Amino acid sequence: MSSNEICLLLGATGVGKTLLLKRLQKLNLHGSCELGAPPSTLPTVGTNLTDLTLKRKKVTVRELGGCMGPIWPSYFKDCSSVIFMVDSSNIAQISSSCIQLLSVLSAEPLHSASVLILFNKRDMPCTMSLVEVKSLFRMDDIIASATQPITILELSARSGEGLQEVLSWLESITVK
C-alpha cells in the first residue's frame, strides 16, 4: 500500500458523514480537547477530502455524497478501507441503507478492504438500539457472508460520543 491510504466514507444523504469528517479532523488536530458546538453542515454534492495523520501514517478520508450512490463504485479501486454510516434514528432509511451496504460489500475491488459500520445519531430520542438496528440489517448474516473484516460501532457525531473509537479503528487498520 502507498504511504497515503484512502478510506471511503459512504452512506445515505443526511446520515452525518460531513459532520463526522469535521469532528474527526478537529479531534485529530487537537487531541481530546473539548469539541465545542457542532459546526453547521450542508448535504455533500460531490466529494469531501480530509487528511488525518495517525501514528505517523497519513489517511485520506474521502466522503462521497449520498446522492452519488450510483457512481460510488468508480471510487472503490483505490481505497483500503470503508466507513459506512447509517442514521439509526431514521427507520424509513434503514432498508435502503442495508441494500447500499450489501452492494458495497459485494463489490470486487473491496473484497479485502476493512469495513467500519457506524450507527450514528445515538443521541437522538427516537434512535433504535444497536440490537434493533443489527436485527433489521441481519448483521450477523452479513458478517458471516462478507469477505471483509467488519467492525460495528455506535456514535453521535453531534456530541462526539464514539469519535475516539473511530480514530482508534482507523489507526488499527492503517498501522501494520
N, C-alpha and C. Protein backbone atom coordinates (compact mmCIF):
# COMPACT_ATOMS: atom_id res chain seq x y z
N MET A 1 0.83 -1.20 0.00
CA MET A 1 0.00 0.00 0.00
C MET A 1 0.87 1.25 0.00
N SER A 2 0.32 2.28 -0.54
CA SER A 2 1.04 3.53 -0.57
C SER A 2 1.09 4.12 0.83
N SER A 3 1.94 5.14 0.99
CA SER A 3 2.06 5.76 2.32
C SER A 3 0.83 6.59 2.67
N ASN A 4 0.03 6.91 1.67
CA ASN A 4 -1.19 7.67 1.93
C ASN A 4 -2.38 6.81 1.55
N GLU A 5 -2.99 6.19 2.56
CA GLU A 5 -4.11 5.30 2.30
C GLU A 5 -5.40 6.09 2.16
N ILE A 6 -6.34 5.50 1.41
CA ILE A 6 -7.63 6.16 1.20
C ILE A 6 -8.71 5.33 1.86
N CYS A 7 -9.50 6.01 2.67
CA CYS A 7 -10.66 5.41 3.32
C CYS A 7 -11.90 6.11 2.78
N LEU A 8 -12.82 5.34 2.23
CA LEU A 8 -14.07 5.92 1.72
C LEU A 8 -15.07 6.04 2.86
N LEU A 9 -15.75 7.17 2.90
CA LEU A 9 -16.83 7.41 3.86
C LEU A 9 -18.13 7.46 3.07
N LEU A 10 -18.96 6.43 3.27
CA LEU A 10 -20.17 6.26 2.48
C LEU A 10 -21.40 6.20 3.37
N GLY A 11 -22.56 6.45 2.78
CA GLY A 11 -23.82 6.36 3.48
C GLY A 11 -24.84 7.24 2.79
N ALA A 12 -26.10 7.03 3.14
CA ALA A 12 -27.19 7.80 2.53
C ALA A 12 -27.08 9.28 2.87
N THR A 13 -27.81 10.10 2.15
CA THR A 13 -27.86 11.54 2.43
C THR A 13 -28.42 11.77 3.83
N GLY A 14 -27.76 12.65 4.57
CA GLY A 14 -28.28 13.06 5.87
C GLY A 14 -27.91 12.17 7.04
N VAL A 15 -26.99 11.21 6.85
CA VAL A 15 -26.64 10.32 7.97
C VAL A 15 -25.60 10.92 8.90
N GLY A 16 -24.91 11.99 8.45
CA GLY A 16 -23.93 12.65 9.31
C GLY A 16 -22.48 12.50 8.88
N LYS A 17 -22.25 12.17 7.61
CA LYS A 17 -20.88 11.95 7.13
C LYS A 17 -20.03 13.22 7.22
N THR A 18 -20.57 14.34 6.77
CA THR A 18 -19.81 15.59 6.77
C THR A 18 -19.47 16.02 8.20
N LEU A 19 -20.43 15.92 9.09
CA LEU A 19 -20.18 16.26 10.50
C LEU A 19 -19.12 15.34 11.09
N LEU A 20 -19.19 14.05 10.77
CA LEU A 20 -18.17 13.12 11.25
C LEU A 20 -16.79 13.55 10.78
N LEU A 21 -16.66 13.90 9.51
CA LEU A 21 -15.37 14.34 8.97
C LEU A 21 -14.84 15.55 9.72
N LYS A 22 -15.69 16.54 9.92
CA LYS A 22 -15.27 17.76 10.62
C LYS A 22 -14.86 17.46 12.04
N ARG A 23 -15.60 16.59 12.72
CA ARG A 23 -15.30 16.22 14.10
C ARG A 23 -13.99 15.41 14.18
N LEU A 24 -13.80 14.47 13.27
CA LEU A 24 -12.57 13.68 13.26
C LEU A 24 -11.35 14.55 13.01
N GLN A 25 -11.49 15.50 12.10
CA GLN A 25 -10.40 16.40 11.78
C GLN A 25 -10.01 17.23 13.01
N LYS A 26 -11.00 17.75 13.72
CA LYS A 26 -10.73 18.56 14.92
C LYS A 26 -10.10 17.70 16.02
N LEU A 27 -10.64 16.50 16.23
CA LEU A 27 -10.11 15.60 17.25
C LEU A 27 -8.69 15.18 16.90
N ASN A 28 -8.42 14.94 15.62
CA ASN A 28 -7.10 14.53 15.16
C ASN A 28 -6.07 15.65 15.34
N LEU A 29 -6.49 16.89 15.11
CA LEU A 29 -5.57 18.02 15.23
C LEU A 29 -5.32 18.44 16.67
N HIS A 30 -6.37 18.36 17.49
CA HIS A 30 -6.28 18.94 18.84
C HIS A 30 -6.35 17.91 19.96
N GLY A 31 -6.35 16.62 19.63
CA GLY A 31 -6.43 15.60 20.66
C GLY A 31 -7.79 15.59 21.33
N SER A 32 -7.80 15.28 22.59
CA SER A 32 -9.08 15.09 23.29
C SER A 32 -9.64 16.38 23.86
N CYS A 33 -9.29 17.51 23.28
CA CYS A 33 -9.82 18.78 23.78
C CYS A 33 -11.33 18.86 23.55
N GLU A 34 -11.95 19.81 24.15
CA GLU A 34 -13.40 19.99 24.01
C GLU A 34 -13.75 20.25 22.54
N LEU A 35 -14.71 19.51 22.02
CA LEU A 35 -15.09 19.66 20.62
C LEU A 35 -15.91 20.91 20.36
N GLY A 36 -16.63 21.38 21.36
CA GLY A 36 -17.47 22.56 21.18
C GLY A 36 -18.75 22.22 20.45
N ALA A 37 -19.49 23.25 20.11
CA ALA A 37 -20.76 23.06 19.42
C ALA A 37 -20.52 22.46 18.04
N PRO A 38 -21.44 21.63 17.57
CA PRO A 38 -21.25 21.04 16.25
C PRO A 38 -21.30 22.11 15.17
N PRO A 39 -20.39 22.04 14.20
CA PRO A 39 -20.42 23.01 13.10
C PRO A 39 -21.61 22.75 12.20
N SER A 40 -22.07 23.77 11.52
CA SER A 40 -23.17 23.58 10.58
C SER A 40 -22.64 22.86 9.34
N THR A 41 -23.50 22.07 8.74
CA THR A 41 -23.12 21.33 7.53
C THR A 41 -24.26 21.39 6.53
N LEU A 42 -23.92 21.14 5.29
CA LEU A 42 -24.90 21.02 4.21
C LEU A 42 -24.69 19.66 3.56
N PRO A 43 -25.72 19.09 2.95
CA PRO A 43 -25.52 17.81 2.25
C PRO A 43 -24.43 17.95 1.20
N THR A 44 -23.56 16.95 1.16
CA THR A 44 -22.44 16.97 0.22
C THR A 44 -22.93 16.58 -1.18
N VAL A 45 -22.66 17.44 -2.12
CA VAL A 45 -22.89 17.12 -3.52
C VAL A 45 -21.49 17.01 -4.12
N GLY A 46 -21.08 15.79 -4.37
CA GLY A 46 -19.72 15.57 -4.82
C GLY A 46 -18.94 14.84 -3.76
N THR A 47 -17.75 15.36 -3.46
CA THR A 47 -16.85 14.67 -2.55
C THR A 47 -16.14 15.65 -1.63
N ASN A 48 -15.84 15.21 -0.43
CA ASN A 48 -15.01 15.97 0.52
C ASN A 48 -13.80 15.13 0.86
N LEU A 49 -12.63 15.74 0.91
CA LEU A 49 -11.41 15.04 1.28
C LEU A 49 -10.87 15.62 2.57
N THR A 50 -10.48 14.75 3.49
CA THR A 50 -9.88 15.17 4.75
C THR A 50 -8.69 14.29 5.02
N ASP A 51 -7.54 14.90 5.30
CA ASP A 51 -6.34 14.15 5.64
C ASP A 51 -6.21 14.06 7.15
N LEU A 52 -5.98 12.85 7.63
CA LEU A 52 -5.74 12.62 9.06
C LEU A 52 -4.38 11.98 9.21
N THR A 53 -3.60 12.42 10.20
CA THR A 53 -2.30 11.82 10.47
C THR A 53 -2.44 10.95 11.71
N LEU A 54 -2.24 9.65 11.51
CA LEU A 54 -2.43 8.67 12.57
C LEU A 54 -1.15 7.88 12.77
N LYS A 55 -0.53 8.00 13.91
CA LYS A 55 0.70 7.25 14.22
C LYS A 55 1.67 7.26 13.03
N ARG A 56 1.99 8.44 12.60
CA ARG A 56 2.96 8.65 11.51
C ARG A 56 2.48 8.12 10.17
N LYS A 57 1.21 7.86 10.04
CA LYS A 57 0.64 7.38 8.78
C LYS A 57 -0.46 8.34 8.38
N LYS A 58 -0.46 8.75 7.13
CA LYS A 58 -1.48 9.68 6.67
C LYS A 58 -2.59 8.90 5.99
N VAL A 59 -3.83 9.23 6.37
CA VAL A 59 -5.00 8.61 5.77
C VAL A 59 -5.86 9.71 5.19
N THR A 60 -6.26 9.55 3.96
CA THR A 60 -7.19 10.48 3.34
C THR A 60 -8.57 9.86 3.41
N VAL A 61 -9.48 10.55 4.11
CA VAL A 61 -10.85 10.09 4.17
C VAL A 61 -11.61 10.83 3.08
N ARG A 62 -12.19 10.06 2.16
CA ARG A 62 -12.93 10.63 1.04
C ARG A 62 -14.41 10.39 1.27
N GLU A 63 -15.12 11.46 1.57
CA GLU A 63 -16.57 11.36 1.73
C GLU A 63 -17.22 11.50 0.37
N LEU A 64 -18.10 10.56 0.06
CA LEU A 64 -18.86 10.65 -1.18
C LEU A 64 -20.30 10.95 -0.80
N GLY A 65 -20.86 11.97 -1.40
CA GLY A 65 -22.22 12.38 -1.09
C GLY A 65 -23.20 11.24 -1.30
N GLY A 66 -24.23 11.18 -0.45
CA GLY A 66 -25.23 10.13 -0.56
C GLY A 66 -25.90 10.09 -1.91
N CYS A 67 -26.09 11.27 -2.52
CA CYS A 67 -26.74 11.34 -3.82
C CYS A 67 -25.85 10.76 -4.93
N MET A 68 -24.58 10.50 -4.61
CA MET A 68 -23.64 9.94 -5.59
C MET A 68 -23.64 8.41 -5.57
N GLY A 69 -24.53 7.79 -4.80
CA GLY A 69 -24.56 6.34 -4.68
C GLY A 69 -24.35 5.57 -5.97
N PRO A 70 -25.01 5.95 -7.06
CA PRO A 70 -24.84 5.20 -8.31
C PRO A 70 -23.41 5.19 -8.85
N ILE A 71 -22.61 6.19 -8.49
CA ILE A 71 -21.23 6.21 -9.02
C ILE A 71 -20.18 5.89 -7.95
N TRP A 72 -20.60 5.51 -6.73
CA TRP A 72 -19.63 5.11 -5.71
C TRP A 72 -18.63 4.08 -6.23
N PRO A 73 -19.07 3.06 -7.00
CA PRO A 73 -18.12 2.03 -7.43
C PRO A 73 -16.91 2.56 -8.19
N SER A 74 -17.03 3.70 -8.83
CA SER A 74 -15.89 4.25 -9.57
C SER A 74 -14.77 4.70 -8.62
N TYR A 75 -15.05 4.80 -7.33
CA TYR A 75 -14.05 5.20 -6.35
C TYR A 75 -13.48 4.01 -5.57
N PHE A 76 -13.98 2.81 -5.79
CA PHE A 76 -13.61 1.67 -4.96
C PHE A 76 -12.19 1.17 -5.15
N LYS A 77 -11.66 1.25 -6.38
CA LYS A 77 -10.39 0.56 -6.66
C LYS A 77 -9.20 1.11 -5.88
N ASP A 78 -9.23 2.35 -5.48
CA ASP A 78 -8.07 2.95 -4.82
C ASP A 78 -8.13 2.94 -3.30
N CYS A 79 -9.18 2.38 -2.72
CA CYS A 79 -9.30 2.51 -1.27
C CYS A 79 -8.94 1.22 -0.55
N SER A 80 -8.46 1.37 0.69
CA SER A 80 -8.07 0.22 1.51
C SER A 80 -9.06 -0.03 2.63
N SER A 81 -9.96 0.93 2.87
CA SER A 81 -10.95 0.76 3.94
C SER A 81 -12.19 1.58 3.62
N VAL A 82 -13.29 1.20 4.29
CA VAL A 82 -14.57 1.86 4.08
C VAL A 82 -15.22 2.10 5.43
N ILE A 83 -15.72 3.31 5.62
CA ILE A 83 -16.60 3.60 6.75
C ILE A 83 -17.99 3.79 6.15
N PHE A 84 -18.94 2.96 6.58
CA PHE A 84 -20.30 3.06 6.08
C PHE A 84 -21.18 3.54 7.22
N MET A 85 -21.82 4.71 7.04
CA MET A 85 -22.63 5.31 8.09
C MET A 85 -24.11 5.08 7.86
N VAL A 86 -24.79 4.83 8.98
CA VAL A 86 -26.24 4.62 8.97
C VAL A 86 -26.84 5.55 10.02
N ASP A 87 -27.96 6.18 9.67
CA ASP A 87 -28.71 7.00 10.62
C ASP A 87 -29.64 6.07 11.39
N SER A 88 -29.28 5.75 12.63
CA SER A 88 -30.08 4.79 13.40
C SER A 88 -31.35 5.40 13.98
N SER A 89 -31.60 6.67 13.66
CA SER A 89 -32.86 7.28 14.11
C SER A 89 -33.87 7.39 12.97
N ASN A 90 -33.48 6.98 11.77
CA ASN A 90 -34.34 7.11 10.60
C ASN A 90 -34.77 5.74 10.10
N ILE A 91 -35.83 5.21 10.67
CA ILE A 91 -36.26 3.85 10.33
C ILE A 91 -36.66 3.73 8.87
N ALA A 92 -37.13 4.82 8.27
CA ALA A 92 -37.55 4.79 6.87
C ALA A 92 -36.36 4.60 5.93
N GLN A 93 -35.16 4.92 6.40
CA GLN A 93 -33.95 4.84 5.57
C GLN A 93 -33.19 3.53 5.78
N ILE A 94 -33.56 2.76 6.78
CA ILE A 94 -32.80 1.57 7.14
C ILE A 94 -32.71 0.56 6.00
N SER A 95 -33.84 0.26 5.34
CA SER A 95 -33.81 -0.77 4.30
C SER A 95 -32.95 -0.34 3.11
N SER A 96 -33.04 0.93 2.71
CA SER A 96 -32.20 1.36 1.58
C SER A 96 -30.72 1.40 1.99
N SER A 97 -30.44 1.74 3.24
CA SER A 97 -29.05 1.71 3.71
C SER A 97 -28.50 0.29 3.71
N CYS A 98 -29.33 -0.66 4.09
CA CYS A 98 -28.91 -2.06 4.09
C CYS A 98 -28.59 -2.51 2.67
N ILE A 99 -29.42 -2.15 1.71
CA ILE A 99 -29.17 -2.52 0.31
C ILE A 99 -27.87 -1.88 -0.19
N GLN A 100 -27.65 -0.60 0.18
CA GLN A 100 -26.40 0.06 -0.21
C GLN A 100 -25.20 -0.66 0.40
N LEU A 101 -25.30 -1.02 1.68
CA LEU A 101 -24.21 -1.72 2.34
C LEU A 101 -23.90 -3.04 1.65
N LEU A 102 -24.93 -3.81 1.34
CA LEU A 102 -24.72 -5.09 0.66
C LEU A 102 -24.04 -4.90 -0.69
N SER A 103 -24.42 -3.85 -1.40
CA SER A 103 -23.80 -3.54 -2.68
C SER A 103 -22.32 -3.21 -2.51
N VAL A 104 -22.01 -2.42 -1.49
CA VAL A 104 -20.61 -2.06 -1.21
C VAL A 104 -19.80 -3.31 -0.85
N LEU A 105 -20.34 -4.14 0.03
CA LEU A 105 -19.62 -5.33 0.48
C LEU A 105 -19.40 -6.35 -0.64
N SER A 106 -20.30 -6.37 -1.63
CA SER A 106 -20.16 -7.34 -2.71
C SER A 106 -19.28 -6.85 -3.85
N ALA A 107 -18.85 -5.60 -3.80
CA ALA A 107 -18.02 -5.05 -4.88
C ALA A 107 -16.63 -5.70 -4.88
N GLU A 108 -16.23 -6.23 -6.00
CA GLU A 108 -14.96 -6.95 -6.11
C GLU A 108 -13.75 -6.13 -5.63
N PRO A 109 -13.62 -4.84 -5.99
CA PRO A 109 -12.43 -4.10 -5.54
C PRO A 109 -12.35 -3.96 -4.01
N LEU A 110 -13.45 -4.18 -3.32
CA LEU A 110 -13.46 -4.01 -1.86
C LEU A 110 -13.45 -5.34 -1.11
N HIS A 111 -13.18 -6.43 -1.80
CA HIS A 111 -13.32 -7.74 -1.15
C HIS A 111 -12.40 -7.94 0.04
N SER A 112 -11.31 -7.18 0.12
CA SER A 112 -10.42 -7.32 1.28
C SER A 112 -10.26 -6.02 2.06
N ALA A 113 -11.06 -5.02 1.74
CA ALA A 113 -10.99 -3.75 2.47
C ALA A 113 -11.54 -3.93 3.89
N SER A 114 -10.95 -3.24 4.85
CA SER A 114 -11.50 -3.23 6.21
C SER A 114 -12.73 -2.34 6.20
N VAL A 115 -13.79 -2.78 6.90
CA VAL A 115 -15.06 -2.06 6.88
C VAL A 115 -15.49 -1.71 8.30
N LEU A 116 -15.84 -0.45 8.49
CA LEU A 116 -16.42 0.01 9.74
C LEU A 116 -17.85 0.45 9.45
N ILE A 117 -18.80 -0.17 10.14
CA ILE A 117 -20.20 0.24 10.00
C ILE A 117 -20.54 1.08 11.22
N LEU A 118 -20.89 2.33 10.97
CA LEU A 118 -21.18 3.28 12.05
C LEU A 118 -22.66 3.55 12.13
N PHE A 119 -23.25 3.26 13.27
CA PHE A 119 -24.64 3.61 13.51
C PHE A 119 -24.64 4.95 14.25
N ASN A 120 -24.97 6.00 13.52
CA ASN A 120 -24.88 7.38 14.02
C ASN A 120 -26.20 7.83 14.63
N LYS A 121 -26.13 8.95 15.30
CA LYS A 121 -27.27 9.65 15.90
C LYS A 121 -27.80 8.90 17.13
N ARG A 122 -26.90 8.29 17.89
CA ARG A 122 -27.31 7.56 19.09
C ARG A 122 -27.84 8.50 20.17
N ASP A 123 -27.60 9.82 19.98
CA ASP A 123 -28.06 10.81 20.95
C ASP A 123 -29.51 11.25 20.71
N MET A 124 -30.09 10.83 19.62
CA MET A 124 -31.46 11.24 19.29
C MET A 124 -32.46 10.43 20.12
N PRO A 125 -33.55 11.06 20.56
CA PRO A 125 -34.51 10.34 21.40
C PRO A 125 -35.21 9.19 20.69
N CYS A 126 -35.31 9.25 19.37
CA CYS A 126 -36.03 8.21 18.63
C CYS A 126 -35.11 7.15 18.04
N THR A 127 -33.85 7.13 18.46
CA THR A 127 -32.89 6.18 17.91
C THR A 127 -33.21 4.76 18.34
N MET A 128 -33.09 3.84 17.38
CA MET A 128 -33.25 2.43 17.70
C MET A 128 -31.99 1.94 18.42
N SER A 129 -32.15 0.94 19.25
CA SER A 129 -30.99 0.38 19.95
C SER A 129 -30.10 -0.35 18.93
N LEU A 130 -28.85 -0.57 19.32
CA LEU A 130 -27.93 -1.29 18.44
C LEU A 130 -28.48 -2.69 18.14
N VAL A 131 -29.06 -3.34 19.12
CA VAL A 131 -29.64 -4.67 18.91
C VAL A 131 -30.75 -4.61 17.85
N GLU A 132 -31.61 -3.59 17.93
CA GLU A 132 -32.70 -3.45 16.96
C GLU A 132 -32.18 -3.21 15.56
N VAL A 133 -31.22 -2.31 15.42
CA VAL A 133 -30.69 -1.99 14.09
C VAL A 133 -29.95 -3.19 13.51
N LYS A 134 -29.14 -3.84 14.32
CA LYS A 134 -28.42 -5.03 13.84
C LYS A 134 -29.41 -6.11 13.39
N SER A 135 -30.51 -6.24 14.08
CA SER A 135 -31.52 -7.22 13.71
C SER A 135 -32.17 -6.84 12.37
N LEU A 136 -32.54 -5.57 12.20
CA LEU A 136 -33.13 -5.13 10.94
C LEU A 136 -32.17 -5.33 9.76
N PHE A 137 -30.89 -5.13 10.00
CA PHE A 137 -29.88 -5.29 8.95
C PHE A 137 -29.51 -6.76 8.74
N ARG A 138 -29.95 -7.63 9.67
CA ARG A 138 -29.49 -9.03 9.69
C ARG A 138 -27.97 -9.05 9.69
N MET A 139 -27.40 -8.24 10.59
CA MET A 139 -25.96 -8.01 10.62
C MET A 139 -25.16 -9.30 10.83
N ASP A 140 -25.67 -10.24 11.64
CA ASP A 140 -24.94 -11.50 11.84
C ASP A 140 -24.77 -12.24 10.52
N ASP A 141 -25.81 -12.25 9.68
CA ASP A 141 -25.74 -12.90 8.37
C ASP A 141 -24.77 -12.16 7.45
N ILE A 142 -24.82 -10.84 7.50
CA ILE A 142 -23.92 -10.04 6.65
C ILE A 142 -22.47 -10.31 7.02
N ILE A 143 -22.17 -10.29 8.31
CA ILE A 143 -20.79 -10.52 8.76
C ILE A 143 -20.33 -11.93 8.40
N ALA A 144 -21.22 -12.91 8.56
CA ALA A 144 -20.86 -14.30 8.27
C ALA A 144 -20.55 -14.51 6.78
N SER A 145 -21.22 -13.77 5.91
CA SER A 145 -21.03 -14.00 4.47
C SER A 145 -20.04 -13.02 3.83
N ALA A 146 -19.63 -11.98 4.54
CA ALA A 146 -18.73 -10.98 3.96
C ALA A 146 -17.29 -11.51 3.91
N THR A 147 -16.56 -11.07 2.90
CA THR A 147 -15.14 -11.42 2.80
C THR A 147 -14.27 -10.45 3.60
N GLN A 148 -14.83 -9.31 3.95
CA GLN A 148 -14.08 -8.26 4.63
C GLN A 148 -14.16 -8.41 6.15
N PRO A 149 -13.13 -7.92 6.84
CA PRO A 149 -13.27 -7.78 8.29
C PRO A 149 -14.20 -6.60 8.58
N ILE A 150 -15.23 -6.82 9.39
CA ILE A 150 -16.23 -5.79 9.66
C ILE A 150 -16.24 -5.46 11.14
N THR A 151 -16.22 -4.16 11.43
CA THR A 151 -16.34 -3.66 12.80
C THR A 151 -17.60 -2.83 12.86
N ILE A 152 -18.33 -2.91 13.97
CA ILE A 152 -19.55 -2.13 14.15
C ILE A 152 -19.40 -1.25 15.38
N LEU A 153 -19.69 0.04 15.21
CA LEU A 153 -19.65 0.99 16.32
C LEU A 153 -20.88 1.87 16.29
N GLU A 154 -21.25 2.37 17.46
CA GLU A 154 -22.29 3.40 17.57
C GLU A 154 -21.58 4.71 17.85
N LEU A 155 -22.17 5.81 17.40
CA LEU A 155 -21.62 7.10 17.75
C LEU A 155 -22.66 8.18 17.61
N SER A 156 -22.30 9.33 18.15
CA SER A 156 -23.04 10.55 17.89
C SER A 156 -22.02 11.56 17.37
N ALA A 157 -22.04 11.79 16.07
CA ALA A 157 -21.12 12.78 15.50
C ALA A 157 -21.41 14.16 16.08
N ARG A 158 -22.65 14.40 16.44
CA ARG A 158 -23.04 15.70 17.01
C ARG A 158 -22.40 15.93 18.38
N SER A 159 -22.53 14.96 19.29
CA SER A 159 -21.99 15.14 20.64
C SER A 159 -20.52 14.76 20.74
N GLY A 160 -20.05 13.95 19.80
CA GLY A 160 -18.67 13.49 19.84
C GLY A 160 -18.51 12.13 20.49
N GLU A 161 -19.58 11.58 21.04
CA GLU A 161 -19.52 10.28 21.68
C GLU A 161 -19.21 9.22 20.63
N GLY A 162 -18.13 8.48 20.83
CA GLY A 162 -17.72 7.43 19.90
C GLY A 162 -16.67 7.85 18.89
N LEU A 163 -16.33 9.15 18.84
CA LEU A 163 -15.34 9.61 17.85
C LEU A 163 -13.96 9.00 18.07
N GLN A 164 -13.55 8.92 19.33
CA GLN A 164 -12.22 8.37 19.63
C GLN A 164 -12.12 6.92 19.15
N GLU A 165 -13.21 6.18 19.26
CA GLU A 165 -13.22 4.80 18.79
C GLU A 165 -13.06 4.72 17.27
N VAL A 166 -13.62 5.69 16.56
CA VAL A 166 -13.46 5.73 15.10
C VAL A 166 -11.99 5.98 14.75
N LEU A 167 -11.37 6.95 15.43
CA LEU A 167 -9.93 7.21 15.18
C LEU A 167 -9.10 5.97 15.53
N SER A 168 -9.43 5.32 16.63
CA SER A 168 -8.70 4.10 17.03
C SER A 168 -8.83 3.01 15.97
N TRP A 169 -10.02 2.87 15.39
CA TRP A 169 -10.21 1.90 14.33
C TRP A 169 -9.35 2.25 13.12
N LEU A 170 -9.35 3.51 12.72
CA LEU A 170 -8.53 3.94 11.58
C LEU A 170 -7.05 3.64 11.86
N GLU A 171 -6.60 3.92 13.08
CA GLU A 171 -5.19 3.63 13.43
C GLU A 171 -4.92 2.13 13.36
N SER A 172 -5.84 1.32 13.85
CA SER A 172 -5.61 -0.13 13.92
C SER A 172 -5.53 -0.75 12.53
N ILE A 173 -6.24 -0.21 11.57
CA ILE A 173 -6.23 -0.82 10.24
C ILE A 173 -5.15 -0.23 9.33
N THR A 174 -4.62 0.94 9.66
CA THR A 174 -3.62 1.54 8.78
C THR A 174 -2.20 1.30 9.25
N VAL A 175 -2.00 1.09 10.54
CA VAL A 175 -0.64 0.91 11.05
C VAL A 175 -0.37 -0.58 11.20
N LYS A 176 0.23 -1.14 10.16
CA LYS A 176 0.51 -2.59 10.18
C LYS A 176 1.95 -2.84 9.85
